[in-house]
Amino acid sequence: MTDVTLFYEKEHAWIGYNVTGHFVMVTWTTSPISDEYRDTLEMLIEAMKQFKTGKLVVDNRKAGALLPADQEWTFKDWHARALAAGHTHVAIIQSPDIFSQISAVDVMGHVTIPTTFFDNAEDAVMWIADFR
């Protein structure tokens, strides 16, 4: 992807800002353990604040299913803080793993922002970039 400013990079994920589409993207490169997952989501809040955008693309193609405790933390704790930081829309690129898909759908069923699931990055980026 072009026009991306790297914000955060670890073995399990990276976060970047897409200048052209004015959105933050997190790409999971492996299935994170709980601490890695939560640390990365905390950095997502910081990235949304720094780049002044609430638009988020989540690339789950290499992520596994979340633990139930991490699912609950996401929609009971993190989501409210992300909204306060300006989070407005999310495009999720689904993993081919059915358990990861179920996990993502379950978490997003508890949130209050426009959310759409995609099979590929191109469609997710086009959808999120349409919001200004």
N, C-alpha and C. Protein backbone atom coordinates (compact mmCIF):
# COMPACT_ATOMS: atom_id res chain seq x y z
N MET A 1 0.85 -1.18 0.00
CA MET A 1 0.00 0.00 0.00
C MET A 1 0.89 1.23 0.00
N THR A 2 0.58 2.16 -0.87
CA THR A 2 1.37 3.38 -0.95
C THR A 2 0.80 4.45 -0.04
N ASP A 3 1.56 5.48 0.17
CA ASP A 3 1.13 6.62 1.00
C ASP A 3 0.85 6.23 2.44
N VAL A 4 1.64 5.30 2.99
CA VAL A 4 1.42 4.86 4.36
C VAL A 4 2.59 5.32 5.24
N THR A 5 2.25 5.93 6.36
CA THR A 5 3.23 6.32 7.36
C THR A 5 3.17 5.27 8.47
N LEU A 6 4.29 4.59 8.72
CA LEU A 6 4.33 3.58 9.77
C LEU A 6 4.29 4.26 11.13
N PHE A 7 3.40 3.78 12.00
CA PHE A 7 3.22 4.35 13.33
C PHE A 7 3.74 3.40 14.42
N TYR A 8 3.57 2.10 14.22
CA TYR A 8 3.87 1.09 15.25
C TYR A 8 4.18 -0.20 14.52
N GLU A 9 5.21 -0.90 15.02
CA GLU A 9 5.54 -2.19 14.41
C GLU A 9 6.11 -3.13 15.46
N LYS A 10 5.50 -4.30 15.55
CA LYS A 10 5.96 -5.39 16.40
C LYS A 10 5.90 -6.67 15.57
N GLU A 11 6.36 -7.77 16.13
CA GLU A 11 6.32 -9.03 15.39
C GLU A 11 4.90 -9.47 15.05
N HIS A 12 3.94 -9.15 15.90
CA HIS A 12 2.57 -9.63 15.73
C HIS A 12 1.68 -8.69 14.92
N ALA A 13 2.07 -7.41 14.76
CA ALA A 13 1.20 -6.46 14.06
C ALA A 13 1.97 -5.18 13.71
N TRP A 14 1.39 -4.43 12.79
CA TRP A 14 1.88 -3.08 12.51
C TRP A 14 0.67 -2.17 12.33
N ILE A 15 0.88 -0.89 12.62
CA ILE A 15 -0.14 0.13 12.47
C ILE A 15 0.44 1.22 11.57
N GLY A 16 -0.34 1.62 10.59
CA GLY A 16 0.08 2.68 9.70
C GLY A 16 -1.04 3.66 9.43
N TYR A 17 -0.68 4.82 8.94
CA TYR A 17 -1.64 5.84 8.56
C TYR A 17 -1.60 6.01 7.05
N ASN A 18 -2.76 5.88 6.41
CA ASN A 18 -2.86 6.06 4.97
C ASN A 18 -3.22 7.52 4.71
N VAL A 19 -2.27 8.25 4.14
CA VAL A 19 -2.43 9.69 3.90
C VAL A 19 -3.55 9.95 2.90
N THR A 20 -3.57 9.21 1.81
CA THR A 20 -4.55 9.43 0.75
C THR A 20 -5.98 9.21 1.24
N GLY A 21 -6.22 8.12 1.94
CA GLY A 21 -7.56 7.80 2.42
C GLY A 21 -7.89 8.35 3.78
N HIS A 22 -6.89 8.93 4.44
CA HIS A 22 -7.04 9.50 5.79
C HIS A 22 -7.65 8.49 6.76
N PHE A 23 -6.97 7.33 6.88
CA PHE A 23 -7.41 6.30 7.83
C PHE A 23 -6.21 5.61 8.45
N VAL A 24 -6.45 5.00 9.59
CA VAL A 24 -5.45 4.20 10.29
C VAL A 24 -5.73 2.74 9.96
N MET A 25 -4.67 1.96 9.80
CA MET A 25 -4.82 0.54 9.49
C MET A 25 -3.95 -0.28 10.43
N VAL A 26 -4.54 -1.34 10.95
CA VAL A 26 -3.77 -2.31 11.72
C VAL A 26 -3.76 -3.61 10.94
N THR A 27 -2.58 -4.17 10.77
CA THR A 27 -2.42 -5.45 10.09
C THR A 27 -1.81 -6.43 11.07
N TRP A 28 -2.55 -7.48 11.37
CA TRP A 28 -2.05 -8.54 12.24
C TRP A 28 -1.20 -9.47 11.39
N THR A 29 0.05 -9.70 11.80
CA THR A 29 0.95 -10.56 11.05
C THR A 29 1.00 -11.97 11.63
N THR A 30 0.54 -12.11 12.86
CA THR A 30 0.37 -13.41 13.51
C THR A 30 -0.82 -13.28 14.46
N SER A 31 -1.22 -14.38 15.03
CA SER A 31 -2.28 -14.35 16.03
C SER A 31 -1.67 -13.88 17.36
N PRO A 32 -2.11 -12.74 17.86
CA PRO A 32 -1.47 -12.19 19.07
C PRO A 32 -1.93 -12.87 20.34
N ILE A 33 -1.06 -12.87 21.34
CA ILE A 33 -1.49 -13.26 22.68
C ILE A 33 -2.20 -12.05 23.30
N SER A 34 -2.83 -12.25 24.41
CA SER A 34 -3.67 -11.22 25.02
C SER A 34 -2.93 -9.89 25.22
N ASP A 35 -1.74 -9.92 25.79
CA ASP A 35 -1.00 -8.68 26.03
C ASP A 35 -0.65 -7.96 24.73
N GLU A 36 -0.28 -8.72 23.71
CA GLU A 36 0.04 -8.12 22.42
C GLU A 36 -1.19 -7.49 21.79
N TYR A 37 -2.30 -8.19 21.88
CA TYR A 37 -3.56 -7.68 21.32
C TYR A 37 -3.95 -6.36 21.99
N ARG A 38 -3.95 -6.35 23.31
CA ARG A 38 -4.37 -5.15 24.03
C ARG A 38 -3.39 -3.99 23.83
N ASP A 39 -2.11 -4.28 23.81
CA ASP A 39 -1.11 -3.24 23.56
C ASP A 39 -1.32 -2.61 22.18
N THR A 40 -1.58 -3.44 21.18
CA THR A 40 -1.79 -2.94 19.83
C THR A 40 -3.05 -2.09 19.75
N LEU A 41 -4.12 -2.51 20.39
CA LEU A 41 -5.34 -1.70 20.38
C LEU A 41 -5.15 -0.37 21.12
N GLU A 42 -4.34 -0.37 22.16
CA GLU A 42 -4.03 0.91 22.83
C GLU A 42 -3.29 1.83 21.87
N MET A 43 -2.38 1.26 21.07
CA MET A 43 -1.65 2.06 20.09
C MET A 43 -2.57 2.56 18.97
N LEU A 44 -3.63 1.81 18.67
CA LEU A 44 -4.60 2.28 17.68
C LEU A 44 -5.27 3.57 18.14
N ILE A 45 -5.61 3.64 19.42
CA ILE A 45 -6.19 4.87 19.96
C ILE A 45 -5.21 6.02 19.79
N GLU A 46 -3.95 5.77 20.11
CA GLU A 46 -2.93 6.83 19.97
C GLU A 46 -2.78 7.26 18.51
N ALA A 47 -2.83 6.30 17.59
CA ALA A 47 -2.70 6.63 16.17
C ALA A 47 -3.90 7.45 15.70
N MET A 48 -5.11 7.09 16.12
CA MET A 48 -6.28 7.87 15.72
C MET A 48 -6.18 9.30 16.24
N LYS A 49 -5.68 9.45 17.45
CA LYS A 49 -5.50 10.80 18.01
C LYS A 49 -4.43 11.57 17.22
N GLN A 50 -3.30 10.94 17.00
CA GLN A 50 -2.20 11.64 16.32
C GLN A 50 -2.57 12.07 14.91
N PHE A 51 -3.25 11.18 14.17
CA PHE A 51 -3.56 11.48 12.77
C PHE A 51 -4.94 12.11 12.59
N LYS A 52 -5.64 12.32 13.71
CA LYS A 52 -6.93 13.00 13.70
C LYS A 52 -7.92 12.36 12.73
N THR A 53 -8.07 11.05 12.87
CA THR A 53 -9.04 10.31 12.07
C THR A 53 -9.66 9.21 12.92
N GLY A 54 -10.93 8.98 12.69
CA GLY A 54 -11.63 7.90 13.39
C GLY A 54 -11.89 6.72 12.49
N LYS A 55 -11.34 6.79 11.27
CA LYS A 55 -11.54 5.71 10.30
C LYS A 55 -10.44 4.65 10.49
N LEU A 56 -10.88 3.40 10.56
CA LEU A 56 -9.96 2.30 10.86
C LEU A 56 -10.19 1.13 9.92
N VAL A 57 -9.09 0.58 9.40
CA VAL A 57 -9.12 -0.67 8.64
C VAL A 57 -8.37 -1.70 9.47
N VAL A 58 -9.00 -2.85 9.69
CA VAL A 58 -8.40 -3.93 10.47
C VAL A 58 -8.19 -5.12 9.53
N ASP A 59 -6.94 -5.50 9.34
CA ASP A 59 -6.61 -6.64 8.49
C ASP A 59 -6.41 -7.87 9.37
N ASN A 60 -7.45 -8.69 9.42
CA ASN A 60 -7.45 -9.89 10.27
C ASN A 60 -7.05 -11.16 9.53
N ARG A 61 -6.53 -11.05 8.32
CA ARG A 61 -6.27 -12.25 7.53
C ARG A 61 -5.31 -13.22 8.19
N LYS A 62 -4.41 -12.74 9.04
CA LYS A 62 -3.46 -13.64 9.72
C LYS A 62 -3.72 -13.71 11.22
N ALA A 63 -4.82 -13.14 11.66
CA ALA A 63 -5.16 -13.16 13.09
C ALA A 63 -6.00 -14.40 13.40
N GLY A 64 -5.86 -14.86 14.61
CA GLY A 64 -6.70 -15.97 15.05
C GLY A 64 -7.89 -15.43 15.83
N ALA A 65 -8.64 -16.34 16.40
CA ALA A 65 -9.79 -15.95 17.21
C ALA A 65 -9.31 -15.32 18.52
N LEU A 66 -10.09 -14.38 19.01
CA LEU A 66 -9.77 -13.74 20.29
C LEU A 66 -10.26 -14.59 21.45
N LEU A 67 -9.55 -14.49 22.55
CA LEU A 67 -10.03 -15.12 23.77
C LEU A 67 -11.30 -14.40 24.21
N PRO A 68 -12.24 -15.09 24.85
CA PRO A 68 -13.47 -14.43 25.31
C PRO A 68 -13.19 -13.20 26.19
N ALA A 69 -12.17 -13.25 27.02
CA ALA A 69 -11.84 -12.10 27.88
C ALA A 69 -11.38 -10.90 27.04
N ASP A 70 -10.65 -11.15 25.96
CA ASP A 70 -10.22 -10.06 25.08
C ASP A 70 -11.38 -9.51 24.27
N GLN A 71 -12.30 -10.36 23.87
CA GLN A 71 -13.50 -9.89 23.18
C GLN A 71 -14.28 -8.94 24.10
N GLU A 72 -14.50 -9.38 25.32
CA GLU A 72 -15.26 -8.56 26.27
C GLU A 72 -14.54 -7.24 26.56
N TRP A 73 -13.23 -7.29 26.77
CA TRP A 73 -12.44 -6.07 27.02
C TRP A 73 -12.59 -5.10 25.85
N THR A 74 -12.60 -5.64 24.62
CA THR A 74 -12.69 -4.79 23.43
C THR A 74 -13.98 -3.99 23.41
N PHE A 75 -15.12 -4.64 23.63
CA PHE A 75 -16.36 -3.89 23.52
C PHE A 75 -16.80 -3.22 24.82
N LYS A 76 -16.29 -3.65 25.97
CA LYS A 76 -16.69 -3.01 27.23
C LYS A 76 -15.74 -1.89 27.66
N ASP A 77 -14.48 -1.99 27.31
CA ASP A 77 -13.48 -1.03 27.75
C ASP A 77 -12.91 -0.23 26.58
N TRP A 78 -12.25 -0.93 25.67
CA TRP A 78 -11.54 -0.25 24.59
C TRP A 78 -12.46 0.56 23.69
N HIS A 79 -13.60 0.01 23.32
CA HIS A 79 -14.49 0.69 22.38
C HIS A 79 -14.92 2.07 22.86
N ALA A 80 -15.27 2.19 24.13
CA ALA A 80 -15.68 3.50 24.66
C ALA A 80 -14.53 4.50 24.59
N ARG A 81 -13.32 4.06 24.89
CA ARG A 81 -12.17 4.96 24.82
C ARG A 81 -11.81 5.30 23.38
N ALA A 82 -12.02 4.35 22.47
CA ALA A 82 -11.78 4.63 21.05
C ALA A 82 -12.80 5.65 20.53
N LEU A 83 -14.05 5.52 20.93
CA LEU A 83 -15.06 6.50 20.54
C LEU A 83 -14.70 7.88 21.06
N ALA A 84 -14.24 7.95 22.29
CA ALA A 84 -13.84 9.24 22.87
C ALA A 84 -12.66 9.85 22.10
N ALA A 85 -11.84 9.00 21.48
CA ALA A 85 -10.69 9.47 20.69
C ALA A 85 -11.11 9.82 19.26
N GLY A 86 -12.39 9.60 18.93
CA GLY A 86 -12.88 9.98 17.61
C GLY A 86 -13.17 8.84 16.65
N HIS A 87 -13.11 7.59 17.10
CA HIS A 87 -13.36 6.42 16.24
C HIS A 87 -14.76 6.50 15.65
N THR A 88 -14.85 6.41 14.30
CA THR A 88 -16.14 6.59 13.64
C THR A 88 -16.57 5.45 12.73
N HIS A 89 -15.63 4.77 12.07
CA HIS A 89 -15.94 3.73 11.09
C HIS A 89 -14.86 2.65 11.14
N VAL A 90 -15.26 1.42 10.81
CA VAL A 90 -14.27 0.35 10.73
C VAL A 90 -14.59 -0.59 9.58
N ALA A 91 -13.55 -0.89 8.80
CA ALA A 91 -13.61 -1.89 7.73
C ALA A 91 -12.73 -3.05 8.19
N ILE A 92 -13.30 -4.25 8.18
CA ILE A 92 -12.56 -5.42 8.67
C ILE A 92 -12.33 -6.39 7.51
N ILE A 93 -11.07 -6.69 7.27
CA ILE A 93 -10.70 -7.68 6.26
C ILE A 93 -10.66 -9.02 6.99
N GLN A 94 -11.57 -9.90 6.63
CA GLN A 94 -11.75 -11.14 7.37
C GLN A 94 -10.64 -12.16 7.13
N SER A 95 -10.37 -12.91 8.17
CA SER A 95 -9.48 -14.06 8.10
C SER A 95 -10.22 -15.20 7.40
N PRO A 96 -9.50 -16.08 6.72
CA PRO A 96 -10.17 -17.26 6.17
C PRO A 96 -10.56 -18.26 7.27
N ASP A 97 -10.02 -18.08 8.46
CA ASP A 97 -10.31 -18.96 9.60
C ASP A 97 -11.70 -18.66 10.15
N ILE A 98 -12.57 -19.64 10.17
CA ILE A 98 -13.95 -19.44 10.61
C ILE A 98 -14.04 -18.99 12.06
N PHE A 99 -13.15 -19.46 12.92
CA PHE A 99 -13.17 -19.07 14.33
C PHE A 99 -12.79 -17.60 14.50
N SER A 100 -11.85 -17.14 13.69
CA SER A 100 -11.49 -15.73 13.70
C SER A 100 -12.65 -14.88 13.19
N GLN A 101 -13.33 -15.35 12.16
CA GLN A 101 -14.49 -14.63 11.63
C GLN A 101 -15.59 -14.50 12.68
N ILE A 102 -15.89 -15.60 13.36
CA ILE A 102 -16.93 -15.59 14.39
C ILE A 102 -16.55 -14.63 15.51
N SER A 103 -15.29 -14.64 15.90
CA SER A 103 -14.80 -13.76 16.96
C SER A 103 -14.99 -12.30 16.57
N ALA A 104 -14.61 -11.95 15.35
CA ALA A 104 -14.73 -10.56 14.90
C ALA A 104 -16.18 -10.13 14.81
N VAL A 105 -17.04 -10.98 14.28
CA VAL A 105 -18.46 -10.65 14.17
C VAL A 105 -19.07 -10.48 15.55
N ASP A 106 -18.69 -11.33 16.49
CA ASP A 106 -19.22 -11.23 17.85
C ASP A 106 -18.84 -9.90 18.50
N VAL A 107 -17.57 -9.52 18.41
CA VAL A 107 -17.12 -8.26 18.99
C VAL A 107 -17.85 -7.09 18.34
N MET A 108 -17.92 -7.07 17.03
CA MET A 108 -18.51 -5.93 16.32
C MET A 108 -20.01 -5.85 16.51
N GLY A 109 -20.63 -6.93 16.92
CA GLY A 109 -22.06 -6.91 17.22
C GLY A 109 -22.39 -6.07 18.44
N HIS A 110 -21.39 -5.70 19.22
CA HIS A 110 -21.57 -4.91 20.44
C HIS A 110 -21.20 -3.44 20.28
N VAL A 111 -20.76 -3.04 19.09
CA VAL A 111 -20.28 -1.67 18.93
C VAL A 111 -21.32 -0.82 18.18
N THR A 112 -21.10 0.49 18.22
CA THR A 112 -22.12 1.42 17.74
C THR A 112 -21.66 2.25 16.54
N ILE A 113 -20.70 1.78 15.78
CA ILE A 113 -20.21 2.54 14.63
C ILE A 113 -20.43 1.73 13.35
N PRO A 114 -20.48 2.41 12.20
CA PRO A 114 -20.60 1.68 10.93
C PRO A 114 -19.43 0.71 10.76
N THR A 115 -19.77 -0.53 10.50
CA THR A 115 -18.79 -1.60 10.37
C THR A 115 -19.15 -2.45 9.15
N THR A 116 -18.16 -2.75 8.32
CA THR A 116 -18.39 -3.63 7.18
C THR A 116 -17.23 -4.61 7.10
N PHE A 117 -17.57 -5.86 6.73
CA PHE A 117 -16.59 -6.93 6.60
C PHE A 117 -16.27 -7.15 5.12
N PHE A 118 -14.99 -7.42 4.86
CA PHE A 118 -14.52 -7.61 3.49
C PHE A 118 -13.64 -8.84 3.38
N ASP A 119 -13.53 -9.36 2.15
CA ASP A 119 -12.65 -10.49 1.87
C ASP A 119 -11.28 -10.05 1.36
N ASN A 120 -11.14 -8.75 1.03
CA ASN A 120 -9.88 -8.27 0.48
C ASN A 120 -9.62 -6.83 0.89
N ALA A 121 -8.36 -6.45 0.85
CA ALA A 121 -7.94 -5.12 1.29
C ALA A 121 -8.43 -4.02 0.36
N GLU A 122 -8.45 -4.28 -0.93
CA GLU A 122 -8.83 -3.25 -1.89
C GLU A 122 -10.24 -2.73 -1.62
N ASP A 123 -11.19 -3.63 -1.42
CA ASP A 123 -12.58 -3.22 -1.17
C ASP A 123 -12.70 -2.51 0.17
N ALA A 124 -11.98 -2.98 1.18
CA ALA A 124 -12.03 -2.34 2.50
C ALA A 124 -11.50 -0.91 2.42
N VAL A 125 -10.40 -0.73 1.72
CA VAL A 125 -9.79 0.61 1.59
C VAL A 125 -10.71 1.53 0.80
N MET A 126 -11.32 1.04 -0.26
CA MET A 126 -12.25 1.87 -1.05
C MET A 126 -13.44 2.30 -0.19
N TRP A 127 -13.98 1.38 0.61
CA TRP A 127 -15.14 1.70 1.44
C TRP A 127 -14.79 2.75 2.49
N ILE A 128 -13.69 2.55 3.21
CA ILE A 128 -13.34 3.46 4.29
C ILE A 128 -12.92 4.84 3.76
N ALA A 129 -12.29 4.86 2.60
CA ALA A 129 -11.82 6.14 2.04
C ALA A 129 -12.98 7.01 1.57
N ASP A 130 -14.14 6.42 1.34
CA ASP A 130 -15.30 7.20 0.91
C ASP A 130 -15.84 8.11 2.01
N PHE A 131 -15.55 7.82 3.26
CA PHE A 131 -16.05 8.64 4.36
C PHE A 131 -15.10 9.82 4.58
N ARG A 132 -15.63 11.00 4.62
CA ARG A 132 -14.81 12.19 4.83
C ARG A 132 -15.19 12.87 6.11
